Amino acid sequence: MTVKELQSKLKLKPLNDVNDKEIEGAFISDMVSDVMAGAQPGNVWVTVQTHKNIIAAANLVDIPAIIVVRNKQVPEDTLQMADRVGVTVFNTDLDSYSIAIKLYEAGIKPAG
């Protein structure tokens, strides 16, 4: 499934440019160090974090998209950095558990 297909299926709100990279799984954590140690290239990352370090970690691991939950506002400098490295940032009012269920129902399985 591509990032654009995921956006459509889950009705996610894009906060920056939407790329059309492939999604190979999902990783859910609010700790950047967990993502750098456990996420796989192609995972979509679900988090409540909004600072620029999420983009640096996503770029390091080759994560194509981040879903920010609970309708958290993402700073403009984070979004600008995301555009520079080609990471799509989505927003949803759902919590991590609810979006995890939707990802699973859409065929996106947990990393690992």
Protein backbone atom coordinates (compact mmCIF):
# COMPACT_ATOMS: atom_id res chain seq x y z
CA MET A 1 0.00 0.00 0.00
CA THR A 2 1.25 3.51 -0.74
CA VAL A 3 1.17 6.55 1.51
CA LYS A 4 -1.57 8.10 -0.66
CA GLU A 5 -3.68 4.94 -0.46
CA LEU A 6 -3.25 4.89 3.31
CA GLN A 7 -4.34 8.52 3.51
CA SER A 8 -7.51 7.72 1.60
CA LYS A 9 -8.36 4.50 3.48
CA LEU A 10 -7.84 5.96 6.95
CA LYS A 11 -9.07 9.47 6.11
CA LEU A 12 -5.88 11.03 7.42
CA LYS A 13 -5.28 14.77 7.27
CA PRO A 14 -1.98 15.57 5.50
CA LEU A 15 0.01 18.40 7.06
CA ASN A 16 2.61 18.66 4.29
CA ASP A 17 3.32 17.26 0.83
CA VAL A 18 2.12 13.67 0.42
CA ASN A 19 4.67 11.30 -1.11
CA ASP A 20 3.68 8.07 -2.78
CA LYS A 21 6.19 5.72 -1.21
CA GLU A 22 5.32 2.15 -0.24
CA ILE A 23 4.32 1.28 3.33
CA GLU A 24 5.56 -2.10 4.54
CA GLY A 25 4.30 -2.13 8.14
CA ALA A 26 3.61 0.02 11.19
CA PHE A 27 5.59 1.05 14.25
CA ILE A 28 3.95 2.68 17.26
CA SER A 29 6.03 4.48 19.87
CA ASP A 30 6.45 7.90 21.40
CA MET A 31 10.17 7.36 22.00
CA VAL A 32 12.47 8.41 19.18
CA SER A 33 15.15 5.97 20.39
CA ASP A 34 12.66 3.08 20.05
CA VAL A 35 12.05 4.03 16.43
CA MET A 36 15.74 4.22 15.61
CA ALA A 37 16.31 0.80 17.21
CA GLY A 38 13.18 -1.09 16.15
CA ALA A 39 11.37 0.42 13.19
CA GLN A 40 11.99 -0.97 9.71
CA PRO A 41 12.34 0.91 6.42
CA GLY A 42 8.90 1.43 4.94
CA ASN A 43 7.07 1.48 8.28
CA VAL A 44 4.49 4.14 8.99
CA TRP A 45 5.21 5.60 12.44
CA VAL A 46 2.39 6.41 14.88
CA THR A 47 3.29 8.89 17.63
CA VAL A 48 2.12 11.78 19.77
CA GLN A 49 5.47 13.59 19.33
CA THR A 50 5.68 16.65 17.09
CA HIS A 51 9.24 18.03 17.42
CA LYS A 52 11.81 18.04 14.61
CA ASN A 53 13.61 14.98 15.97
CA ILE A 54 10.76 12.78 14.70
CA ILE A 55 11.66 13.79 11.16
CA ALA A 56 15.37 13.15 11.72
CA ALA A 57 14.59 9.67 13.08
CA ALA A 58 12.12 8.92 10.27
CA ASN A 59 14.70 9.96 7.67
CA LEU A 60 17.40 7.85 9.35
CA VAL A 61 15.22 4.70 9.29
CA ASP A 62 13.59 5.47 5.91
CA ILE A 63 10.07 5.88 7.27
CA PRO A 64 7.81 7.33 4.55
CA ALA A 65 5.06 8.69 6.80
CA ILE A 66 4.28 9.67 10.37
CA ILE A 67 0.78 9.73 11.86
CA VAL A 68 0.50 12.20 14.72
CA VAL A 69 -2.38 11.17 16.96
CA ARG A 70 -4.82 12.98 19.27
CA ASN A 71 -4.94 15.96 16.90
CA LYS A 72 -1.63 17.32 18.19
CA GLN A 73 -0.48 20.44 16.40
CA VAL A 74 2.79 20.03 14.52
CA PRO A 75 5.14 23.03 14.42
CA GLU A 76 5.84 24.58 11.04
CA ASP A 77 9.59 23.97 11.30
CA THR A 78 8.90 20.24 11.73
CA LEU A 79 6.74 20.23 8.60
CA GLN A 80 9.34 22.17 6.60
CA MET A 81 11.98 19.65 7.57
CA ALA A 82 9.61 16.80 6.62
CA ASP A 83 9.13 18.31 3.15
CA ARG A 84 12.90 18.62 2.68
CA VAL A 85 13.48 14.90 3.35
CA GLY A 86 10.26 13.55 1.80
CA VAL A 87 8.45 12.34 4.92
CA THR A 88 4.67 12.81 4.93
CA VAL A 89 3.14 13.91 8.23
CA PHE A 90 -0.51 13.14 8.90
CA ASN A 91 -2.79 14.20 11.71
CA THR A 92 -5.72 12.32 13.21
CA ASP A 93 -7.98 12.92 16.17
CA LEU A 94 -7.79 9.21 17.02
CA ASP A 95 -5.52 7.87 19.76
CA SER A 96 -2.68 5.40 19.07
CA TYR A 97 -4.76 2.35 19.95
CA SER A 98 -7.62 3.33 17.63
CA ILE A 99 -5.36 4.13 14.69
CA ALA A 100 -3.48 0.85 15.27
CA ILE A 101 -6.76 -1.03 14.84
CA LYS A 102 -7.50 0.88 11.62
CA LEU A 103 -4.01 0.18 10.28
CA TYR A 104 -4.41 -3.52 10.99
CA GLU A 105 -7.85 -3.58 9.34
CA ALA A 106 -6.32 -1.87 6.30
CA GLY A 107 -3.74 -4.65 6.03
CA ILE A 108 -0.80 -2.82 7.60
CA LYS A 109 0.80 -5.19 10.09
CA PRO A 110 3.07 -4.33 13.04
CA ALA A 111 6.81 -4.14 12.45
CA GLY A 112 8.87 -7.09 13.52
